[in-house]
């Protein structure tokens, strides 16, 4: 049975301006330019202020009553009574919205990021294919095989599937034998190992090529190990190899030394330099000025934006005749675009302020580390600690820390890496888990490679240093540091 009733609810909703700010906060400075370009394309009332001498920056905020959306179909004259033209045509020369200053002198250092432009990995292989005497059919097969070689240099498509692909896509009727013949031609290309279907084949190709080019060097044992005892080699079961191959430990050591010089990803030797390079652009810079830490924002975080004057002039023109329906609809459209532009400008300004205050709190909290660069000086710090200092929500601090980088005198680091849990030592002192990981890493780097330390031994060492930590936690930290187990760290 249907019935009507009154119900009172208390809901909390984010305003469009708050949602916009949250989205802008999580964008790193390297992507902010693209986001601003997108907003300018979508909103013609917003534009970049490229004039260095112009002070007409817009810092006027809209009141809550002015932030409502305007309905062009609303014929109620009350909306016109609430509209104040001075809010839109006021003084735009507010110096408080100076997001960029020209305070650089001729003595300042200016750095430019170099970008390389060269032949791609795929083009290099196609060029070598053109040097071979192949008929038209095999040349097309070769092109298709090269198209299926990834950036690491491996053929990712099964040979049987290539036979079907060529028939359906290029109408080339071929056989597995022809595919393998063409593949062997490509496997003769540089860099050696390209076109392999797995790591074992890749290493074998390189060893065989090295043997051909250096006949005076005996690589027979190295080839034997990869060909017959590859699984034992990958698991570092050297005792089994010594017994089954009937060779001395010194011979095995020389063979392993030659194998370790090979490139497991031959394609990367070229693609690392010629493919699109992705450079880290720091969002913050911290400088040590005679014992005083100074923080600065990347200039990309402070673009100069303003409301298009053409739109403010249009607003004034349409407001002179509000009774016309066409003018009223145009007026609502212009007002909405100007509101949107000012919201975006204000969100950019709030983003800048939030980034700066949050990073300043992190810098002061970890002052001892930023002064020395010693990771053992890092204090335990969680998002809640910084959120309480800057009086912001934990989610806001998380958005600031996510995918943002800070440049220091000791390198450029991901901001979220400075956040870590705490652990209490035997002396009752709270230390950062980063400090424990640093000590764990140092222990592994200084271990005897012929007898690497097991997780149990590492746990014992840390316990002796006063860190009350379990073996499973040591294993977790070791995995987070991308360090393999002791068996895989063993060296002859």
Protein backbone atom coordinates (compact mmCIF):
# COMPACT_ATOMS: atom_id res chain seq x y z
CA UNK A 1 0.00 0.00 0.00
CA UNK A 2 1.37 3.39 -1.03
CA UNK A 3 1.47 6.22 1.47
CA UNK A 4 3.03 9.64 1.77
CA UNK A 5 5.17 10.75 4.68
CA UNK A 6 7.72 13.37 5.61
CA UNK A 7 11.24 12.22 6.36
CA UNK A 8 14.16 14.31 7.54
CA UNK A 9 17.69 13.29 6.54
CA UNK A 10 21.10 14.75 7.27
CA UNK A 11 23.41 14.37 4.26
CA UNK A 12 26.90 15.64 3.58
CA UNK A 13 27.70 16.41 -0.03
CA UNK A 14 30.73 17.93 -1.70
CA UNK A 15 30.19 21.07 -3.73
CA UNK A 16 31.36 21.17 -7.37
CA UNK A 17 34.24 23.45 -6.31
CA UNK A 18 35.41 20.94 -3.67
CA UNK A 19 35.25 18.07 -6.15
CA UNK A 20 37.28 20.11 -8.64
CA UNK A 21 39.91 20.89 -6.00
CA UNK A 22 40.20 17.23 -4.97
CA UNK A 23 40.75 16.21 -8.60
CA UNK A 24 43.37 18.90 -9.14
CA UNK A 25 45.23 17.99 -5.95
CA UNK A 26 46.00 14.47 -7.07
CA UNK A 27 47.38 15.63 -10.43
CA UNK A 28 51.20 15.95 -10.50
CA UNK A 29 52.66 19.15 -11.90
CA UNK A 30 53.82 17.38 -15.07
CA UNK A 31 50.15 16.65 -15.92
CA UNK A 32 48.73 19.97 -14.74
CA UNK A 33 49.53 21.74 -18.02
CA UNK A 34 47.42 19.27 -19.96
CA UNK A 35 44.54 19.64 -17.49
CA UNK A 36 44.63 23.44 -17.85
CA UNK A 37 44.67 23.17 -21.65
CA UNK A 38 41.64 20.89 -21.47
CA UNK A 39 39.77 23.38 -19.27
CA UNK A 40 40.60 26.27 -21.60
CA UNK A 41 39.32 24.28 -24.58
CA UNK A 42 36.07 23.47 -22.78
CA UNK A 43 35.56 26.94 -21.30
CA UNK A 44 36.28 29.91 -23.62
CA UNK A 45 35.84 32.32 -20.69
CA UNK A 46 39.15 31.06 -19.25
CA UNK A 47 42.50 31.95 -20.75
CA UNK A 48 46.20 32.07 -19.95
CA UNK A 49 47.69 35.42 -19.04
CA UNK A 50 50.90 35.43 -21.05
CA UNK A 51 51.66 39.13 -20.62
CA UNK A 52 54.40 39.63 -18.05
CA UNK A 53 53.33 43.21 -17.25
CA UNK A 54 49.63 42.55 -16.88
CA UNK A 55 48.31 42.57 -13.34
CA UNK A 56 44.69 41.76 -14.13
CA UNK A 57 44.59 38.44 -12.31
CA UNK A 58 41.25 37.26 -11.01
CA UNK A 59 41.00 36.48 -7.34
CA UNK A 60 37.37 37.37 -6.64
CA UNK A 61 35.46 34.46 -5.10
CA UNK A 62 31.79 33.81 -5.58
CA UNK A 63 29.50 33.80 -2.56
CA UNK A 64 27.49 30.68 -1.85
CA UNK A 65 24.40 32.37 -3.30
CA UNK A 66 26.26 33.10 -6.53
CA UNK A 67 27.62 29.58 -6.97
CA UNK A 68 24.26 28.06 -7.93
CA UNK A 69 23.72 26.88 -11.46
CA UNK A 70 21.68 29.15 -13.70
CA UNK A 71 18.66 27.72 -15.50
CA UNK A 72 18.07 29.35 -18.87
CA UNK A 73 14.43 28.20 -18.88
CA UNK A 74 13.60 29.91 -15.59
CA UNK A 75 11.28 32.87 -16.34
CA UNK A 76 11.11 33.98 -12.72
CA UNK A 77 12.31 37.57 -12.43
CA UNK A 78 13.58 36.96 -8.89
CA UNK A 79 16.80 35.50 -10.31
CA UNK A 80 17.47 38.80 -12.03
CA UNK A 81 16.95 40.69 -8.78
CA UNK A 82 19.66 38.60 -7.08
CA UNK A 83 22.09 39.15 -9.92
CA UNK A 84 24.69 41.82 -9.19
CA UNK A 85 26.63 42.87 -12.27
CA UNK A 86 29.39 44.37 -10.14
CA UNK A 87 30.32 40.87 -8.97
CA UNK A 88 31.29 40.05 -12.54
CA UNK A 89 32.58 43.42 -13.76
CA UNK A 90 34.51 44.39 -10.62
CA UNK A 91 38.15 45.28 -10.27
CA UNK A 92 40.25 42.42 -11.59
CA UNK A 93 43.54 44.05 -10.61
CA UNK A 94 43.87 42.18 -7.33
CA UNK A 95 47.55 41.82 -6.57
CA UNK A 96 46.89 39.06 -4.05
CA UNK A 97 46.54 36.62 -6.92
CA UNK A 98 50.13 36.78 -8.08
CA UNK A 99 51.00 33.20 -8.85
CA UNK A 100 54.18 33.97 -10.75
CA UNK A 101 56.98 36.45 -10.21
CA UNK A 102 59.87 37.43 -12.41
CA UNK A 103 62.42 37.52 -9.63
CA UNK A 104 65.21 35.74 -11.49
CA UNK A 105 68.56 37.38 -12.05
CA UNK A 106 71.17 36.82 -14.73
CA UNK A 107 73.29 34.91 -12.21
CA UNK A 108 70.64 32.25 -11.59
CA UNK A 109 71.22 28.79 -13.04
CA UNK A 110 68.78 27.73 -15.73
CA UNK A 111 68.41 24.04 -16.48
CA UNK A 112 66.90 22.52 -19.59
CA UNK A 113 65.84 18.91 -19.93
CA UNK A 114 67.47 17.26 -22.97
CA UNK A 115 65.32 15.13 -25.27
CA UNK A 116 66.75 12.63 -27.71
CA UNK A 117 65.45 11.85 -31.17
CA UNK A 118 66.76 8.78 -32.96
CA UNK A 119 65.83 5.64 -34.85
CA UNK A 120 63.38 3.40 -33.02
CA UNK A 121 64.04 -0.23 -32.18
CA UNK A 122 61.48 -1.48 -34.70
CA UNK A 123 62.89 0.76 -37.45
CA UNK A 124 66.39 -0.55 -36.73
CA UNK A 125 65.23 -4.14 -37.23
CA UNK A 126 63.31 -3.28 -40.41
CA UNK A 127 66.41 -1.57 -41.78
CA UNK A 128 68.46 -4.74 -41.20
CA UNK A 129 65.71 -6.81 -42.82
CA UNK A 130 66.06 -4.70 -45.96
CA UNK A 131 69.74 -5.60 -46.20
CA UNK A 132 68.97 -9.32 -46.49
CA UNK A 133 68.28 -10.99 -49.83
CA UNK A 134 64.70 -12.13 -49.26
CA UNK A 135 61.87 -12.61 -51.72
CA UNK A 136 58.73 -10.51 -51.38
CA UNK A 137 56.86 -13.18 -49.41
CA UNK A 138 59.58 -13.70 -46.80
CA UNK A 139 60.10 -9.95 -46.54
CA UNK A 140 56.42 -9.49 -45.61
CA UNK A 141 56.69 -12.39 -43.15
CA UNK A 142 59.75 -10.72 -41.64
CA UNK A 143 57.89 -7.41 -41.28
CA UNK A 144 55.04 -9.17 -39.49
CA UNK A 145 57.43 -10.99 -37.13
CA UNK A 146 59.22 -7.73 -36.30
CA UNK A 147 55.85 -6.15 -35.57
CA UNK A 148 55.28 -8.82 -32.91
CA UNK A 149 58.64 -8.30 -31.18
CA UNK A 150 58.25 -6.35 -27.94
CA UNK A 151 60.51 -3.60 -26.63
CA UNK A 152 62.59 -6.16 -24.72
CA UNK A 153 63.39 -7.94 -27.99
CA UNK A 154 61.26 -11.05 -27.55
CA UNK A 155 58.80 -12.57 -30.03
CA UNK A 156 55.56 -12.63 -28.09
CA UNK A 157 53.40 -14.37 -30.69
CA UNK A 158 53.51 -18.19 -31.14
CA UNK A 159 54.73 -19.35 -34.53
CA UNK A 160 51.54 -21.33 -35.15
CA UNK A 161 49.45 -18.21 -34.50
CA UNK A 162 51.58 -16.18 -36.93
CA UNK A 163 50.79 -18.69 -39.68
CA UNK A 164 47.06 -18.12 -39.15
CA UNK A 165 47.46 -14.34 -38.77
CA UNK A 166 49.28 -14.01 -42.09
CA UNK A 167 46.62 -16.02 -43.88
CA UNK A 168 43.64 -14.08 -42.51
CA UNK A 169 45.09 -10.57 -42.32
CA UNK A 170 47.53 -10.42 -45.27
CA UNK A 171 46.27 -13.35 -47.38
CA UNK A 172 49.72 -14.95 -47.26
CA UNK A 173 49.62 -18.74 -47.30
CA UNK A 174 52.71 -19.95 -45.47
CA UNK A 175 53.95 -22.78 -43.26
CA UNK A 176 55.57 -23.07 -39.87
CA UNK A 177 58.84 -24.01 -41.59
CA UNK A 178 58.90 -20.75 -43.58
CA UNK A 179 58.13 -18.74 -40.46
CA UNK A 180 61.02 -20.38 -38.58
CA UNK A 181 63.40 -19.80 -41.51
CA UNK A 182 62.56 -16.10 -41.52
CA UNK A 183 62.74 -15.95 -37.73
CA UNK A 184 66.26 -17.40 -37.79
CA UNK A 185 67.24 -14.62 -40.19
CA UNK A 186 65.91 -12.01 -37.75
CA UNK A 187 67.68 -13.73 -34.84
CA UNK A 188 70.93 -12.99 -36.67
CA UNK A 189 70.24 -9.24 -36.36
CA UNK A 190 71.77 -6.87 -33.86
CA UNK A 191 71.41 -6.56 -30.94
CA UNK A 192 72.18 -10.25 -30.49
CA UNK A 193 69.36 -12.21 -28.89
CA UNK A 194 66.57 -10.31 -30.59
CA UNK A 195 63.66 -12.42 -31.84
CA UNK A 196 64.07 -15.07 -29.12
CA UNK A 197 60.93 -16.68 -27.79
CA UNK A 198 62.18 -17.14 -24.23
CA UNK A 199 65.13 -16.26 -22.02
CA UNK A 200 66.92 -19.55 -22.63
CA UNK A 201 66.86 -19.07 -26.41
CA UNK A 202 67.91 -15.43 -26.01
CA UNK A 203 71.02 -16.34 -23.99
CA UNK A 204 71.89 -19.21 -26.33
CA UNK A 205 71.78 -16.93 -29.37
CA UNK A 206 74.09 -14.44 -27.70
CA UNK A 207 76.57 -17.10 -26.61
CA UNK A 208 76.66 -18.67 -30.07
CA UNK A 209 77.23 -15.27 -31.70
CA UNK A 210 80.00 -14.46 -29.25
CA UNK A 211 81.63 -17.82 -29.97
CA UNK A 212 81.52 -17.14 -33.74
CA UNK A 213 83.05 -13.69 -33.33
CA UNK A 214 85.66 -14.84 -30.77
CA UNK A 215 86.78 -18.35 -31.77
CA UNK A 216 89.79 -18.07 -29.44
CA UNK A 217 87.42 -17.90 -26.44
CA UNK A 218 85.98 -21.23 -25.33
CA UNK A 219 82.30 -20.79 -24.43
CA UNK A 220 81.41 -24.47 -24.70
CA UNK A 221 80.63 -24.91 -20.98
CA UNK A 222 78.55 -21.74 -20.87
CA UNK A 223 76.52 -22.93 -23.88
CA UNK A 224 76.16 -26.37 -22.28
CA UNK A 225 74.83 -24.89 -19.03
CA UNK A 226 72.19 -22.78 -20.79
CA UNK A 227 71.24 -25.56 -23.21
CA UNK A 228 71.01 -28.52 -20.82
CA UNK A 229 71.02 -27.19 -17.27
CA UNK A 230 69.09 -23.96 -17.63
CA UNK A 231 66.57 -24.75 -14.87
CA UNK A 232 69.35 -25.63 -12.41
CA UNK A 233 71.18 -22.44 -13.38
CA UNK A 234 68.15 -20.20 -12.79
CA UNK A 235 67.62 -21.76 -9.36
CA UNK A 236 71.36 -21.54 -8.62
CA UNK A 237 71.66 -25.25 -7.91
CA UNK A 238 75.36 -25.15 -8.72
CA UNK A 239 76.08 -28.42 -6.93
CA UNK A 240 73.81 -30.28 -9.34
CA UNK A 241 75.48 -28.65 -12.35
CA UNK A 242 78.97 -29.57 -11.07
CA UNK A 243 77.92 -33.19 -10.62
CA UNK A 244 75.94 -33.65 -13.84
CA UNK A 245 78.32 -31.74 -16.13
CA UNK A 246 81.37 -33.25 -14.41
CA UNK A 247 83.28 -29.98 -14.32
CA UNK A 248 85.37 -28.19 -11.72
CA UNK A 249 84.12 -25.32 -9.61
CA UNK A 250 86.62 -22.96 -11.26
CA UNK A 251 85.34 -23.91 -14.74
CA UNK A 252 81.75 -23.35 -13.61
CA UNK A 253 82.70 -19.99 -12.14
CA UNK A 254 84.24 -18.85 -15.44
CA UNK A 255 81.18 -20.02 -17.41
CA UNK A 256 78.75 -18.29 -15.06
CA UNK A 257 80.84 -15.12 -15.31
CA UNK A 258 80.42 -15.14 -19.10
CA UNK A 259 76.68 -15.81 -18.83
CA UNK A 260 76.15 -12.93 -16.41
CA UNK A 261 77.65 -10.53 -18.95
CA UNK A 262 74.83 -11.30 -21.41
CA UNK A 263 71.80 -9.04 -21.87
CA UNK A 264 68.52 -10.75 -20.86
CA UNK A 265 66.56 -7.95 -22.60
CA UNK A 266 68.44 -7.12 -25.80
CA UNK A 267 65.76 -4.75 -27.07
CA UNK A 268 66.24 -2.44 -24.10
CA UNK A 269 69.77 -1.61 -25.24
CA UNK A 270 68.19 0.58 -27.90
CA UNK A 271 64.68 1.34 -26.66
CA UNK A 272 65.93 2.88 -23.41
CA UNK A 273 67.47 5.76 -25.34
CA UNK A 274 65.24 6.18 -28.38
CA UNK A 275 61.73 5.56 -27.10
CA UNK A 276 59.74 8.33 -25.48
CA UNK A 277 61.65 9.25 -22.36
CA UNK A 278 59.65 9.91 -19.24
CA UNK A 279 61.50 12.34 -17.02
CA UNK A 280 60.61 12.92 -13.40
CA UNK A 281 59.51 16.52 -12.90
CA UNK A 282 59.66 17.41 -9.18
CA UNK A 283 56.65 19.19 -7.72
CA UNK A 284 58.70 20.61 -4.83
CA UNK A 285 62.30 21.71 -4.33
CA UNK A 286 64.03 21.81 -0.94
CA UNK A 287 67.29 23.71 -0.53
CA UNK A 288 69.64 23.89 2.45
CA UNK A 289 70.65 27.54 2.76
CA UNK A 290 73.36 27.65 5.42
CA UNK A 291 71.45 25.40 7.78
CA UNK A 292 68.00 26.76 6.92
CA UNK A 293 65.64 24.65 4.83
CA UNK A 294 63.90 26.55 2.03
CA UNK A 295 60.89 25.14 0.17
CA UNK A 296 59.72 26.19 -3.27
CA UNK A 297 57.01 24.97 -5.62
CA UNK A 298 57.62 24.03 -9.21
CA UNK A 299 56.55 26.95 -11.43
CA UNK A 300 54.21 24.56 -13.26
CA UNK A 301 52.05 24.58 -10.13
CA UNK A 302 51.49 28.33 -10.46
CA UNK A 303 50.11 29.16 -13.93
CA UNK A 304 48.79 32.61 -14.72
CA UNK A 305 45.09 32.37 -15.53
CA UNK A 306 42.41 35.02 -15.96
CA UNK A 307 38.82 35.47 -17.11
CA UNK A 308 38.49 36.43 -20.76
CA UNK A 309 37.60 40.14 -20.93
CA UNK A 310 35.46 39.52 -23.99
CA UNK A 311 33.08 37.49 -21.84
CA UNK A 312 32.84 40.17 -19.15
CA UNK A 313 32.01 42.69 -21.88
CA UNK A 314 29.38 40.32 -23.29
CA UNK A 315 27.91 39.99 -19.81
CA UNK A 316 27.57 43.74 -19.53
CA UNK A 317 25.93 43.94 -22.96
CA UNK A 318 23.37 41.20 -22.30
CA UNK A 319 22.54 42.51 -18.83
CA UNK A 320 21.29 45.79 -20.31
CA UNK A 321 18.28 44.00 -21.78
CA UNK A 322 17.15 41.18 -19.50
CA UNK A 323 13.55 41.06 -20.69
CA UNK A 324 14.37 39.50 -24.03
CA UNK A 325 14.27 35.71 -23.78
CA UNK A 326 17.25 35.34 -26.12
CA UNK A 327 19.30 37.82 -24.08
CA UNK A 328 18.28 36.12 -20.85
CA UNK A 329 19.47 32.72 -22.10
CA UNK A 330 22.72 34.22 -23.40
CA UNK A 331 23.21 36.04 -20.09
CA UNK A 332 22.78 32.79 -18.13
CA UNK A 333 25.27 31.04 -20.43
CA UNK A 334 27.91 33.77 -20.04
CA UNK A 335 27.42 33.91 -16.27
CA UNK A 336 27.83 30.14 -16.04
CA UNK A 337 31.07 30.20 -18.06
CA UNK A 338 32.51 33.06 -15.99
CA UNK A 339 31.57 31.27 -12.77
CA UNK A 340 33.22 28.10 -14.01
CA UNK A 341 36.39 29.99 -14.99
CA UNK A 342 36.61 31.67 -11.58
CA UNK A 343 36.01 28.39 -9.79
CA UNK A 344 38.89 26.85 -11.75
CA UNK A 345 41.20 29.80 -11.03
CA UNK A 346 40.36 29.64 -7.35
CA UNK A 347 40.87 25.84 -7.33
CA UNK A 348 44.33 26.29 -8.85
CA UNK A 349 45.16 28.84 -6.16
CA UNK A 350 43.87 26.57 -3.38
CA UNK A 351 45.82 23.69 -4.89
CA UNK A 352 48.99 25.74 -4.72
CA UNK A 353 48.39 26.74 -1.10
CA UNK A 354 47.48 23.19 -0.05
CA UNK A 355 50.54 21.71 -1.73
CA UNK A 356 52.84 24.24 -0.12
CA UNK A 357 51.44 23.98 3.42
CA UNK A 358 51.41 20.17 3.31
CA UNK A 359 54.96 19.90 1.98
CA UNK A 360 56.15 22.49 4.49
CA UNK A 361 54.69 20.39 7.31
CA UNK A 362 56.44 17.27 5.95
CA UNK A 363 59.72 19.18 5.60
CA UNK A 364 59.57 20.43 9.18
CA UNK A 365 58.52 17.01 10.48
CA UNK A 366 61.46 15.32 8.74
CA UNK A 367 63.86 18.26 9.17
CA UNK A 368 66.73 16.13 10.43
CA UNK A 369 66.58 13.93 7.34
CA UNK A 370 66.39 16.82 4.86
CA UNK A 371 69.39 18.41 6.59
CA UNK A 372 71.59 15.31 6.41
CA UNK A 373 70.09 12.90 3.86
CA UNK A 374 70.58 10.02 6.30
CA UNK A 375 67.65 7.61 5.96
CA UNK A 376 68.15 6.43 9.54
CA UNK A 377 67.13 9.94 10.62
CA UNK A 378 63.65 9.55 9.15
CA UNK A 379 60.98 9.79 11.83
CA UNK A 380 57.92 7.51 11.78
CA UNK A 381 55.26 9.48 9.95
CA UNK A 382 51.75 8.60 8.84
CA UNK A 383 49.14 10.61 6.98
CA UNK A 384 47.31 11.40 10.20
CA UNK A 385 50.38 13.15 11.66
CA UNK A 386 50.57 15.65 8.79
CA UNK A 387 46.77 16.02 8.55
CA UNK A 388 46.65 17.16 12.19
CA UNK A 389 49.43 19.71 11.65
CA UNK A 390 47.88 21.35 8.56
CA UNK A 391 44.27 20.85 9.77
CA UNK A 392 43.25 18.97 6.66
CA UNK A 393 41.52 15.67 6.08
CA UNK A 394 43.68 12.56 5.77
CA UNK A 395 42.34 11.96 2.25
CA UNK A 396 43.51 15.43 1.22
CA UNK A 397 47.04 14.77 2.48
CA UNK A 398 46.96 11.43 0.68
CA UNK A 399 46.09 13.16 -2.60
CA UNK A 400 48.99 15.58 -2.12
CA UNK A 401 51.46 12.78 -1.38
CA UNK A 402 50.29 10.59 -4.22
CA UNK A 403 52.50 10.69 -7.35
CA UNK A 404 54.28 13.89 -6.24
CA UNK A 405 58.06 14.20 -6.23
CA UNK A 406 60.38 16.38 -4.14
CA UNK A 407 63.85 17.38 -5.25
CA UNK A 408 66.52 17.56 -2.55
CA UNK A 409 70.30 17.83 -2.44
CA UNK A 410 70.38 14.03 -2.04
CA UNK A 411 68.17 13.17 -5.00
CA UNK A 412 64.56 13.29 -6.18
CA UNK A 413 62.13 11.13 -4.22
CA UNK A 414 58.49 10.11 -4.32
CA UNK A 415 56.72 11.99 -1.55
CA UNK A 416 54.74 9.02 -0.26
CA UNK A 417 58.00 7.15 0.42
CA UNK A 418 58.61 9.42 3.42
CA UNK A 419 55.52 8.01 5.12
CA UNK A 420 56.20 4.92 7.19
CA UNK A 421 54.92 3.08 10.22
CA UNK A 422 56.73 3.10 13.53
CA UNK A 423 58.32 0.27 15.48
CA UNK A 424 59.47 0.29 19.10
CA UNK A 425 63.02 -0.82 19.90
CA UNK A 426 64.11 -2.65 23.01
CA UNK A 427 65.01 0.74 24.50
CA UNK A 428 61.43 1.97 24.05
CA UNK A 429 62.37 4.34 21.22
CA UNK A 430 60.06 4.61 18.20
CA UNK A 431 61.87 4.25 14.89
CA UNK A 432 60.69 4.36 11.29
CA UNK A 433 60.34 1.17 9.30
CA UNK A 434 62.42 2.97 6.65
CA UNK A 435 65.33 2.91 9.09
CA UNK A 436 64.93 -0.85 9.57
CA UNK A 437 64.79 -1.41 5.81
CA UNK A 438 67.97 0.64 5.39
CA UNK A 439 69.81 -1.49 7.95
CA UNK A 440 68.41 -4.66 6.36
CA UNK A 441 69.62 -3.51 2.94
CA UNK A 442 73.09 -2.70 4.30
CA UNK A 443 73.34 -6.15 5.90
CA UNK A 444 72.52 -7.86 2.61
CA UNK A 445 74.93 -5.67 0.63
CA UNK A 446 77.78 -6.52 3.01
CA UNK A 447 77.03 -10.24 3.29
CA UNK A 448 79.36 -12.93 2.01
CA UNK A 449 78.02 -13.68 -1.47
CA UNK A 450 79.08 -17.32 -1.41
CA UNK A 451 76.99 -17.79 1.77
CA UNK A 452 74.21 -15.15 1.75
CA UNK A 453 72.30 -14.46 4.93
CA UNK A 454 68.97 -16.23 5.35
CA UNK A 455 65.88 -14.49 6.72
CA UNK A 456 66.48 -16.21 10.09
CA UNK A 457 70.04 -14.88 10.25
CA UNK A 458 68.89 -11.38 9.25
CA UNK A 459 66.25 -11.50 11.98
CA UNK A 460 68.89 -12.43 14.54
CA UNK A 461 71.15 -9.54 13.43
CA UNK A 462 68.31 -7.02 13.71
CA UNK A 463 67.30 -8.37 17.12
CA UNK A 464 70.89 -7.97 18.31
CA UNK A 465 70.78 -4.33 17.16
CA UNK A 466 67.72 -3.79 19.34
CA UNK A 467 64.98 -4.11 16.71
CA UNK A 468 62.38 -6.54 17.98
CA UNK A 469 61.20 -7.92 14.67
CA UNK A 470 59.84 -11.28 13.50
CA UNK A 471 61.21 -13.38 10.63
CA UNK A 472 58.04 -13.00 8.56
CA UNK A 473 58.36 -9.20 8.88
CA UNK A 474 61.97 -9.39 7.67
CA UNK A 475 60.78 -11.41 4.68
CA UNK A 476 58.09 -8.80 3.97
CA UNK A 477 60.58 -5.91 4.11
CA UNK A 478 63.03 -7.84 1.91
CA UNK A 479 60.34 -8.38 -0.72
CA UNK A 480 59.40 -4.68 -0.57
CA UNK A 481 63.05 -3.88 -1.31
CA UNK A 482 62.92 -6.27 -4.31
CA UNK A 483 65.67 -8.43 -2.81
CA UNK A 484 65.45 -12.19 -3.61
CA UNK A 485 65.82 -14.98 -1.09
CA UNK A 486 69.27 -16.10 0.05
CA UNK A 487 69.44 -19.01 -2.42
CA UNK A 488 68.99 -16.69 -5.40
CA UNK A 489 71.56 -14.22 -4.06
CA UNK A 490 74.28 -16.87 -3.95
CA UNK A 491 77.37 -16.27 -6.05
CA UNK A 492 80.36 -18.49 -6.75
